[in-house]
N, C-alpha and C. Protein backbone atom coordinates (compact mmCIF):
# COMPACT_ATOMS: atom_id res chain seq x y z
N UNK A 1 112.89 84.42 51.60
CA UNK A 1 112.35 83.69 52.72
C UNK A 1 111.06 83.03 52.27
N UNK A 2 110.89 81.76 52.67
CA UNK A 2 109.73 81.00 52.25
C UNK A 2 109.07 80.38 53.47
N UNK A 3 107.78 80.56 53.57
CA UNK A 3 107.03 79.96 54.65
C UNK A 3 106.73 78.51 54.29
N UNK A 4 106.71 77.65 55.28
CA UNK A 4 106.40 76.26 55.03
C UNK A 4 104.92 76.13 54.70
N UNK A 5 104.64 75.55 53.56
CA UNK A 5 103.26 75.35 53.14
C UNK A 5 102.83 73.95 53.55
N UNK A 6 101.88 73.87 54.45
CA UNK A 6 101.45 72.58 54.97
C UNK A 6 100.77 71.74 53.88
N UNK A 7 100.27 72.40 52.85
CA UNK A 7 99.64 71.65 51.76
C UNK A 7 100.67 71.00 50.86
N UNK A 8 101.91 71.44 50.94
CA UNK A 8 102.98 70.84 50.15
C UNK A 8 103.16 69.39 50.61
N UNK A 9 103.31 68.46 49.66
CA UNK A 9 103.44 67.05 50.04
C UNK A 9 104.67 66.85 50.93
N UNK A 10 104.46 66.12 51.98
CA UNK A 10 105.53 65.74 52.92
C UNK A 10 106.13 66.91 53.70
N UNK A 11 105.54 68.09 53.69
CA UNK A 11 106.08 69.24 54.43
C UNK A 11 106.07 68.97 55.93
N UNK A 12 105.01 68.38 56.41
CA UNK A 12 104.91 68.09 57.84
C UNK A 12 105.90 67.00 58.22
N UNK A 13 106.05 66.00 57.35
CA UNK A 13 107.02 64.95 57.62
C UNK A 13 108.45 65.49 57.64
N UNK A 14 108.76 66.40 56.72
CA UNK A 14 110.09 67.02 56.71
C UNK A 14 110.31 67.82 57.99
N UNK A 15 109.28 68.58 58.40
CA UNK A 15 109.38 69.36 59.63
C UNK A 15 109.66 68.44 60.83
N UNK A 16 108.91 67.35 60.93
CA UNK A 16 109.10 66.42 62.04
C UNK A 16 110.47 65.74 61.98
N UNK A 17 110.95 65.46 60.77
CA UNK A 17 112.28 64.85 60.63
C UNK A 17 113.36 65.83 61.08
N UNK A 18 113.24 67.09 60.68
CA UNK A 18 114.22 68.11 61.10
C UNK A 18 114.18 68.25 62.62
N UNK A 19 112.99 68.28 63.19
CA UNK A 19 112.86 68.39 64.64
C UNK A 19 113.49 67.19 65.35
N UNK A 20 113.22 66.00 64.86
CA UNK A 20 113.77 64.78 65.48
C UNK A 20 115.29 64.77 65.42
N UNK A 21 115.84 65.10 64.26
CA UNK A 21 117.30 65.14 64.11
C UNK A 21 117.89 66.19 65.05
N UNK A 22 117.25 67.33 65.14
CA UNK A 22 117.75 68.40 65.99
C UNK A 22 117.75 67.97 67.46
N UNK A 23 116.70 67.33 67.90
CA UNK A 23 116.63 66.87 69.30
C UNK A 23 117.70 65.81 69.56
N UNK A 24 117.81 64.84 68.67
CA UNK A 24 118.75 63.73 68.88
C UNK A 24 120.20 64.22 68.89
N UNK A 25 120.55 65.13 68.02
CA UNK A 25 121.93 65.61 67.96
C UNK A 25 122.23 66.62 69.06
N UNK A 26 121.26 67.45 69.39
CA UNK A 26 121.47 68.50 70.39
C UNK A 26 121.46 67.96 71.82
N UNK A 27 120.69 66.95 72.09
CA UNK A 27 120.50 66.45 73.46
C UNK A 27 121.81 66.07 74.16
N UNK A 28 122.68 65.28 73.57
CA UNK A 28 123.92 64.94 74.30
C UNK A 28 124.80 66.16 74.60
N UNK A 29 124.84 67.09 73.68
CA UNK A 29 125.64 68.30 73.90
C UNK A 29 125.03 69.12 75.02
N UNK A 30 123.71 69.26 75.01
CA UNK A 30 123.03 70.03 76.06
C UNK A 30 123.21 69.38 77.42
N UNK A 31 123.08 68.06 77.50
CA UNK A 31 123.26 67.37 78.77
C UNK A 31 124.68 67.59 79.28
N UNK A 32 125.66 67.50 78.41
CA UNK A 32 127.05 67.76 78.81
C UNK A 32 127.20 69.17 79.37
N UNK A 33 126.62 70.14 78.70
CA UNK A 33 126.72 71.53 79.17
C UNK A 33 126.03 71.72 80.52
N UNK A 34 124.85 71.14 80.68
CA UNK A 34 124.12 71.31 81.93
C UNK A 34 124.76 70.53 83.08
N UNK A 35 125.44 69.43 82.79
CA UNK A 35 126.09 68.65 83.83
C UNK A 35 127.29 69.41 84.41
N UNK A 36 127.75 70.41 83.72
CA UNK A 36 128.85 71.22 84.27
C UNK A 36 128.42 71.97 85.52
N UNK A 37 127.14 71.84 85.91
CA UNK A 37 126.67 72.42 87.17
C UNK A 37 127.41 71.78 88.34
N UNK A 38 128.02 70.64 88.12
CA UNK A 38 128.79 69.99 89.18
C UNK A 38 130.03 70.78 89.55
N UNK A 39 130.53 71.60 88.63
CA UNK A 39 131.74 72.38 88.93
C UNK A 39 131.56 73.88 88.79
N UNK A 40 130.43 74.32 88.25
CA UNK A 40 130.16 75.75 88.08
C UNK A 40 128.83 76.05 88.73
N UNK A 41 128.72 77.20 89.38
CA UNK A 41 127.48 77.62 90.03
C UNK A 41 126.31 77.53 89.05
N UNK A 42 125.17 77.03 89.55
CA UNK A 42 124.02 76.80 88.67
C UNK A 42 123.47 78.08 88.06
N UNK A 43 123.54 79.19 88.75
CA UNK A 43 123.04 80.44 88.18
C UNK A 43 123.96 81.00 87.11
N UNK A 44 125.14 80.43 86.98
CA UNK A 44 126.05 80.83 85.90
C UNK A 44 125.92 79.87 84.73
N UNK A 45 125.96 78.57 85.02
CA UNK A 45 126.03 77.59 83.94
C UNK A 45 124.68 77.33 83.28
N UNK A 46 123.57 77.41 84.00
CA UNK A 46 122.28 77.13 83.38
C UNK A 46 121.94 78.11 82.25
N UNK A 47 122.05 79.42 82.46
CA UNK A 47 121.80 80.32 81.33
C UNK A 47 122.82 80.16 80.20
N UNK A 48 124.07 79.93 80.58
CA UNK A 48 125.12 79.74 79.57
C UNK A 48 124.84 78.49 78.74
N UNK A 49 124.50 77.40 79.42
CA UNK A 49 124.19 76.15 78.71
C UNK A 49 122.95 76.30 77.85
N UNK A 50 121.98 77.06 78.31
CA UNK A 50 120.76 77.28 77.53
C UNK A 50 121.08 78.00 76.23
N UNK A 51 121.86 79.07 76.31
CA UNK A 51 122.20 79.82 75.09
C UNK A 51 123.10 79.00 74.16
N UNK A 52 124.02 78.23 74.73
CA UNK A 52 124.87 77.38 73.90
C UNK A 52 124.04 76.30 73.22
N UNK A 53 123.07 75.76 73.92
CA UNK A 53 122.16 74.77 73.33
C UNK A 53 121.36 75.38 72.19
N UNK A 54 120.92 76.62 72.37
CA UNK A 54 120.18 77.30 71.31
C UNK A 54 121.05 77.48 70.07
N UNK A 55 122.31 77.82 70.26
CA UNK A 55 123.22 78.00 69.12
C UNK A 55 123.43 76.67 68.39
N UNK A 56 123.68 75.61 69.15
CA UNK A 56 123.89 74.29 68.53
C UNK A 56 122.62 73.81 67.84
N UNK A 57 121.48 73.98 68.48
CA UNK A 57 120.21 73.54 67.88
C UNK A 57 119.93 74.27 66.58
N UNK A 58 120.27 75.56 66.51
CA UNK A 58 120.03 76.29 65.27
C UNK A 58 120.92 75.79 64.15
N UNK A 59 122.16 75.44 64.47
CA UNK A 59 123.05 74.90 63.43
C UNK A 59 122.57 73.54 62.94
N UNK A 60 122.21 72.68 63.87
CA UNK A 60 121.74 71.34 63.50
C UNK A 60 120.45 71.43 62.68
N UNK A 61 119.51 72.26 63.14
CA UNK A 61 118.24 72.41 62.42
C UNK A 61 118.47 72.99 61.02
N UNK A 62 119.38 73.93 60.91
CA UNK A 62 119.66 74.53 59.59
C UNK A 62 120.22 73.50 58.62
N UNK A 63 121.19 72.72 59.08
CA UNK A 63 121.76 71.71 58.19
C UNK A 63 120.74 70.62 57.85
N UNK A 64 119.94 70.22 58.83
CA UNK A 64 118.94 69.19 58.57
C UNK A 64 117.88 69.71 57.60
N UNK A 65 117.43 70.95 57.79
CA UNK A 65 116.42 71.53 56.89
C UNK A 65 116.98 71.68 55.48
N UNK A 66 118.25 72.08 55.38
CA UNK A 66 118.86 72.21 54.05
C UNK A 66 118.99 70.86 53.37
N UNK A 67 119.31 69.83 54.15
CA UNK A 67 119.46 68.49 53.58
C UNK A 67 118.14 67.92 53.08
N UNK A 68 117.05 68.26 53.78
CA UNK A 68 115.75 67.71 53.42
C UNK A 68 114.92 68.64 52.53
N UNK A 69 115.43 69.81 52.21
CA UNK A 69 114.67 70.78 51.41
C UNK A 69 114.54 70.32 49.97
N UNK A 70 113.46 70.76 49.37
CA UNK A 70 113.25 70.47 47.96
C UNK A 70 113.82 71.62 47.13
N UNK A 71 114.06 71.39 45.87
CA UNK A 71 114.51 72.41 44.92
C UNK A 71 115.86 73.02 45.27
N UNK A 72 116.75 72.22 45.88
CA UNK A 72 118.12 72.68 46.16
C UNK A 72 118.17 73.97 46.98
N UNK A 73 117.22 74.19 47.83
CA UNK A 73 117.24 75.39 48.67
C UNK A 73 118.06 75.13 49.92
N UNK A 74 118.66 76.20 50.45
CA UNK A 74 119.46 76.11 51.67
C UNK A 74 118.88 77.06 52.71
N UNK A 75 119.09 76.74 53.94
CA UNK A 75 118.64 77.58 55.03
C UNK A 75 119.60 78.75 55.19
N UNK A 76 119.05 79.91 55.47
CA UNK A 76 119.87 81.10 55.77
C UNK A 76 120.38 80.93 57.20
N UNK A 77 121.56 80.33 57.33
CA UNK A 77 122.08 79.88 58.61
C UNK A 77 122.29 81.01 59.61
N UNK A 78 122.81 82.13 59.18
CA UNK A 78 123.06 83.25 60.09
C UNK A 78 121.76 83.78 60.68
N UNK A 79 120.74 83.89 59.87
CA UNK A 79 119.44 84.39 60.36
C UNK A 79 118.85 83.44 61.38
N UNK A 80 118.95 82.15 61.11
CA UNK A 80 118.40 81.16 62.03
C UNK A 80 119.15 81.18 63.36
N UNK A 81 120.48 81.24 63.30
CA UNK A 81 121.28 81.22 64.53
C UNK A 81 121.03 82.45 65.40
N UNK A 82 121.01 83.61 64.79
CA UNK A 82 120.79 84.83 65.56
C UNK A 82 119.39 84.85 66.16
N UNK A 83 118.40 84.50 65.37
CA UNK A 83 117.02 84.52 65.88
C UNK A 83 116.81 83.46 66.97
N UNK A 84 117.42 82.29 66.80
CA UNK A 84 117.27 81.26 67.82
C UNK A 84 117.97 81.67 69.12
N UNK A 85 119.08 82.37 69.02
CA UNK A 85 119.72 82.89 70.23
C UNK A 85 118.83 83.91 70.92
N UNK A 86 118.18 84.76 70.13
CA UNK A 86 117.27 85.73 70.73
C UNK A 86 116.10 85.04 71.42
N UNK A 87 115.54 84.02 70.77
CA UNK A 87 114.46 83.25 71.40
C UNK A 87 114.98 82.45 72.59
N UNK A 88 116.26 82.14 72.60
CA UNK A 88 116.86 81.40 73.71
C UNK A 88 117.05 82.22 74.97
N UNK A 89 116.92 83.53 74.87
CA UNK A 89 117.06 84.39 76.06
C UNK A 89 115.93 84.10 77.06
N UNK A 90 114.75 83.81 76.56
CA UNK A 90 113.61 83.55 77.46
C UNK A 90 113.89 82.35 78.38
N UNK A 91 114.24 81.17 77.85
CA UNK A 91 114.54 80.07 78.77
C UNK A 91 115.81 80.30 79.58
N UNK A 92 116.74 81.10 79.07
CA UNK A 92 117.95 81.40 79.83
C UNK A 92 117.61 82.20 81.09
N UNK A 93 116.70 83.14 80.97
CA UNK A 93 116.27 83.92 82.13
C UNK A 93 115.51 83.02 83.11
N UNK A 94 114.65 82.16 82.58
CA UNK A 94 113.93 81.22 83.43
C UNK A 94 114.92 80.30 84.14
N UNK A 95 115.93 79.82 83.43
CA UNK A 95 116.94 78.94 84.02
C UNK A 95 117.73 79.66 85.10
N UNK A 96 117.97 80.94 84.92
CA UNK A 96 118.69 81.71 85.94
C UNK A 96 117.92 81.75 87.24
N UNK A 97 116.62 81.95 87.15
CA UNK A 97 115.81 82.11 88.36
C UNK A 97 115.33 80.78 88.94
N UNK A 98 115.09 79.77 88.12
CA UNK A 98 114.52 78.53 88.61
C UNK A 98 115.48 77.35 88.65
N UNK A 99 116.66 77.50 88.12
CA UNK A 99 117.58 76.37 87.99
C UNK A 99 117.88 75.66 89.29
N UNK A 100 118.16 76.39 90.35
CA UNK A 100 118.56 75.76 91.60
C UNK A 100 117.40 75.12 92.34
N UNK A 101 116.17 75.48 92.00
CA UNK A 101 115.03 74.94 92.72
C UNK A 101 114.46 73.66 92.09
N UNK A 102 115.06 73.17 91.04
CA UNK A 102 114.51 72.00 90.35
C UNK A 102 115.34 70.73 90.54
N UNK A 103 116.08 70.66 91.64
CA UNK A 103 116.88 69.46 91.94
C UNK A 103 117.72 68.98 90.75
N UNK A 104 118.65 69.79 90.41
CA UNK A 104 119.56 69.53 89.27
C UNK A 104 118.84 69.42 87.96
N UNK A 105 117.64 69.85 87.92
CA UNK A 105 116.80 70.20 86.80
C UNK A 105 116.77 69.31 85.57
N UNK A 106 116.37 68.09 85.75
CA UNK A 106 116.13 67.23 84.59
C UNK A 106 115.00 67.81 83.75
N UNK A 107 114.00 68.35 84.42
CA UNK A 107 112.87 68.96 83.72
C UNK A 107 113.34 70.18 82.93
N UNK A 108 114.19 70.99 83.55
CA UNK A 108 114.72 72.17 82.87
C UNK A 108 115.52 71.79 81.64
N UNK A 109 116.37 70.80 81.77
CA UNK A 109 117.20 70.35 80.64
C UNK A 109 116.31 69.86 79.50
N UNK A 110 115.34 69.03 79.81
CA UNK A 110 114.44 68.51 78.77
C UNK A 110 113.65 69.63 78.12
N UNK A 111 113.17 70.57 78.92
CA UNK A 111 112.41 71.69 78.36
C UNK A 111 113.27 72.55 77.46
N UNK A 112 114.51 72.81 77.86
CA UNK A 112 115.41 73.62 77.03
C UNK A 112 115.72 72.91 75.72
N UNK A 113 115.96 71.61 75.78
CA UNK A 113 116.26 70.86 74.56
C UNK A 113 115.07 70.92 73.59
N UNK A 114 113.88 70.65 74.09
CA UNK A 114 112.70 70.65 73.23
C UNK A 114 112.42 72.06 72.70
N UNK A 115 112.51 73.07 73.58
CA UNK A 115 112.21 74.45 73.18
C UNK A 115 113.20 74.94 72.11
N UNK A 116 114.50 74.76 72.36
CA UNK A 116 115.48 75.26 71.38
C UNK A 116 115.43 74.47 70.08
N UNK A 117 115.16 73.17 70.17
CA UNK A 117 115.02 72.37 68.95
C UNK A 117 113.79 72.78 68.16
N UNK A 118 112.70 73.05 68.86
CA UNK A 118 111.48 73.48 68.18
C UNK A 118 111.64 74.85 67.53
N UNK A 119 112.19 75.81 68.27
CA UNK A 119 112.38 77.14 67.67
C UNK A 119 113.39 77.08 66.53
N UNK A 120 114.44 76.29 66.70
CA UNK A 120 115.42 76.14 65.61
C UNK A 120 114.81 75.52 64.37
N UNK A 121 113.96 74.51 64.57
CA UNK A 121 113.31 73.84 63.45
C UNK A 121 112.34 74.79 62.74
N UNK A 122 111.54 75.52 63.50
CA UNK A 122 110.61 76.46 62.89
C UNK A 122 111.37 77.51 62.09
N UNK A 123 112.42 78.07 62.69
CA UNK A 123 113.20 79.10 62.00
C UNK A 123 113.89 78.54 60.76
N UNK A 124 114.45 77.34 60.88
CA UNK A 124 115.17 76.75 59.74
C UNK A 124 114.24 76.43 58.58
N UNK A 125 113.03 75.97 58.87
CA UNK A 125 112.11 75.65 57.77
C UNK A 125 111.50 76.91 57.16
N UNK A 126 111.48 78.00 57.90
CA UNK A 126 110.93 79.25 57.37
C UNK A 126 111.96 80.09 56.62
N UNK A 127 113.22 79.84 56.83
CA UNK A 127 114.26 80.66 56.20
C UNK A 127 115.02 79.87 55.13
N UNK A 128 114.29 79.18 54.30
CA UNK A 128 114.90 78.47 53.18
C UNK A 128 114.97 79.40 51.97
N UNK A 129 116.14 79.45 51.36
CA UNK A 129 116.31 80.24 50.14
C UNK A 129 117.37 79.57 49.28
N UNK A 130 117.57 80.05 48.11
CA UNK A 130 118.57 79.47 47.23
C UNK A 130 119.87 80.26 47.18
N UNK A 131 120.07 81.15 48.15
CA UNK A 131 121.20 82.08 48.08
C UNK A 131 122.51 81.52 48.61
N UNK A 132 122.49 80.76 49.68
CA UNK A 132 123.72 80.31 50.32
C UNK A 132 124.26 79.05 49.65
N UNK A 133 125.55 78.81 49.82
CA UNK A 133 126.17 77.59 49.33
C UNK A 133 126.63 76.78 50.53
N UNK A 134 126.93 75.51 50.28
CA UNK A 134 127.38 74.64 51.36
C UNK A 134 128.72 75.12 51.93
N UNK A 135 129.58 75.67 51.09
CA UNK A 135 130.87 76.16 51.57
C UNK A 135 130.71 77.35 52.51
N UNK A 136 129.81 78.27 52.16
CA UNK A 136 129.54 79.41 53.03
C UNK A 136 128.92 78.94 54.34
N UNK A 137 127.98 78.00 54.26
CA UNK A 137 127.36 77.47 55.47
C UNK A 137 128.38 76.74 56.33
N UNK A 138 129.32 76.07 55.70
CA UNK A 138 130.37 75.38 56.46
C UNK A 138 131.23 76.35 57.25
N UNK A 139 131.60 77.46 56.61
CA UNK A 139 132.39 78.48 57.31
C UNK A 139 131.61 79.10 58.45
N UNK A 140 130.33 79.39 58.21
CA UNK A 140 129.49 79.94 59.27
C UNK A 140 129.31 78.95 60.41
N UNK A 141 129.14 77.69 60.09
CA UNK A 141 128.98 76.67 61.13
C UNK A 141 130.21 76.58 62.01
N UNK A 142 131.37 76.54 61.39
CA UNK A 142 132.62 76.49 62.16
C UNK A 142 132.75 77.74 63.03
N UNK A 143 132.42 78.89 62.47
CA UNK A 143 132.49 80.14 63.25
C UNK A 143 131.56 80.10 64.45
N UNK A 144 130.32 79.65 64.25
CA UNK A 144 129.37 79.58 65.35
C UNK A 144 129.80 78.54 66.38
N UNK A 145 130.33 77.41 65.95
CA UNK A 145 130.79 76.39 66.90
C UNK A 145 131.96 76.89 67.73
N UNK A 146 132.93 77.50 67.07
CA UNK A 146 134.09 78.05 67.79
C UNK A 146 133.65 79.16 68.74
N UNK A 147 132.78 80.03 68.27
CA UNK A 147 132.27 81.10 69.12
C UNK A 147 131.52 80.57 70.33
N UNK A 148 130.75 79.51 70.15
CA UNK A 148 130.02 78.92 71.27
C UNK A 148 130.97 78.31 72.29
N UNK A 149 131.95 77.56 71.82
CA UNK A 149 132.92 76.94 72.73
C UNK A 149 133.72 78.01 73.47
N UNK A 150 134.19 79.02 72.75
CA UNK A 150 134.94 80.11 73.37
C UNK A 150 134.06 80.87 74.36
N UNK A 151 132.81 81.13 73.99
CA UNK A 151 131.90 81.85 74.87
C UNK A 151 131.66 81.11 76.18
N UNK A 152 131.42 79.80 76.10
CA UNK A 152 131.24 79.00 77.31
C UNK A 152 132.51 79.00 78.15
N UNK A 153 133.65 78.86 77.49
CA UNK A 153 134.93 78.89 78.20
C UNK A 153 135.18 80.21 78.90
N UNK A 154 134.87 81.31 78.25
CA UNK A 154 135.06 82.64 78.84
C UNK A 154 134.14 82.82 80.05
N UNK A 155 132.90 82.37 79.94
CA UNK A 155 131.97 82.48 81.07
C UNK A 155 132.48 81.67 82.26
N UNK A 156 132.97 80.46 82.02
CA UNK A 156 133.50 79.63 83.10
C UNK A 156 134.75 80.28 83.70
N UNK A 157 135.61 80.83 82.87
CA UNK A 157 136.81 81.49 83.38
C UNK A 157 136.44 82.69 84.26
N UNK A 158 135.51 83.50 83.79
CA UNK A 158 135.09 84.67 84.59
C UNK A 158 134.43 84.22 85.88
N UNK A 159 133.64 83.14 85.82
CA UNK A 159 133.02 82.62 87.04
C UNK A 159 134.08 82.15 88.02
N UNK A 160 135.17 81.57 87.51
CA UNK A 160 136.24 81.10 88.41
C UNK A 160 136.93 82.28 89.10
N UNK A 161 136.99 83.42 88.47
CA UNK A 161 137.60 84.60 89.09
C UNK A 161 136.78 85.09 90.29
N UNK A 162 135.49 84.79 90.29
CA UNK A 162 134.61 85.21 91.39
C UNK A 162 134.31 84.08 92.37
N UNK A 163 135.03 82.98 92.25
CA UNK A 163 134.85 81.88 93.17
C UNK A 163 133.59 81.08 92.94
N UNK A 164 133.07 81.08 91.73
CA UNK A 164 131.83 80.37 91.43
C UNK A 164 132.06 79.02 90.76
N UNK A 165 133.29 78.54 90.82
CA UNK A 165 133.60 77.22 90.27
C UNK A 165 134.28 76.39 91.35
N UNK A 166 134.38 75.11 91.11
CA UNK A 166 135.02 74.22 92.05
C UNK A 166 134.06 73.13 92.48
N UNK A 167 134.61 72.01 92.83
CA UNK A 167 133.75 70.88 93.18
C UNK A 167 133.31 70.89 94.60
């Protein structure tokens, strides 16, 4: 594990580039997840969408950090994803309690996108090592993406069993 050294040339620029890429790629996915509030109860979908956004942001930040890293280093993708999910619990709890009071929560969506992108970027830039390969990261990425989609689907299915879905 390597800490980002601000004295390293272009370290801040790389950090900002990873953050920008993470926000740009994660935002449409997050908006899609949060818009599902139209058919799923907000106290169900807001925390679910928050955690799914954290998972996606960690994957995007990991790949972006690996692409921009010097010395052929790669991000430890599993560590970044797990830690970003843990950090994502905080906004998920906030979304559970405040989601319905923010008028379909444009502010909440923007805050979740920025927060998960920032934590994902910080974690991705701090967990650079030379141990992983692109093939291993590819398998982990597919696993995390499938797990995220299945997880959201299972939550929506369970919500439908309790009458928390429908237009």
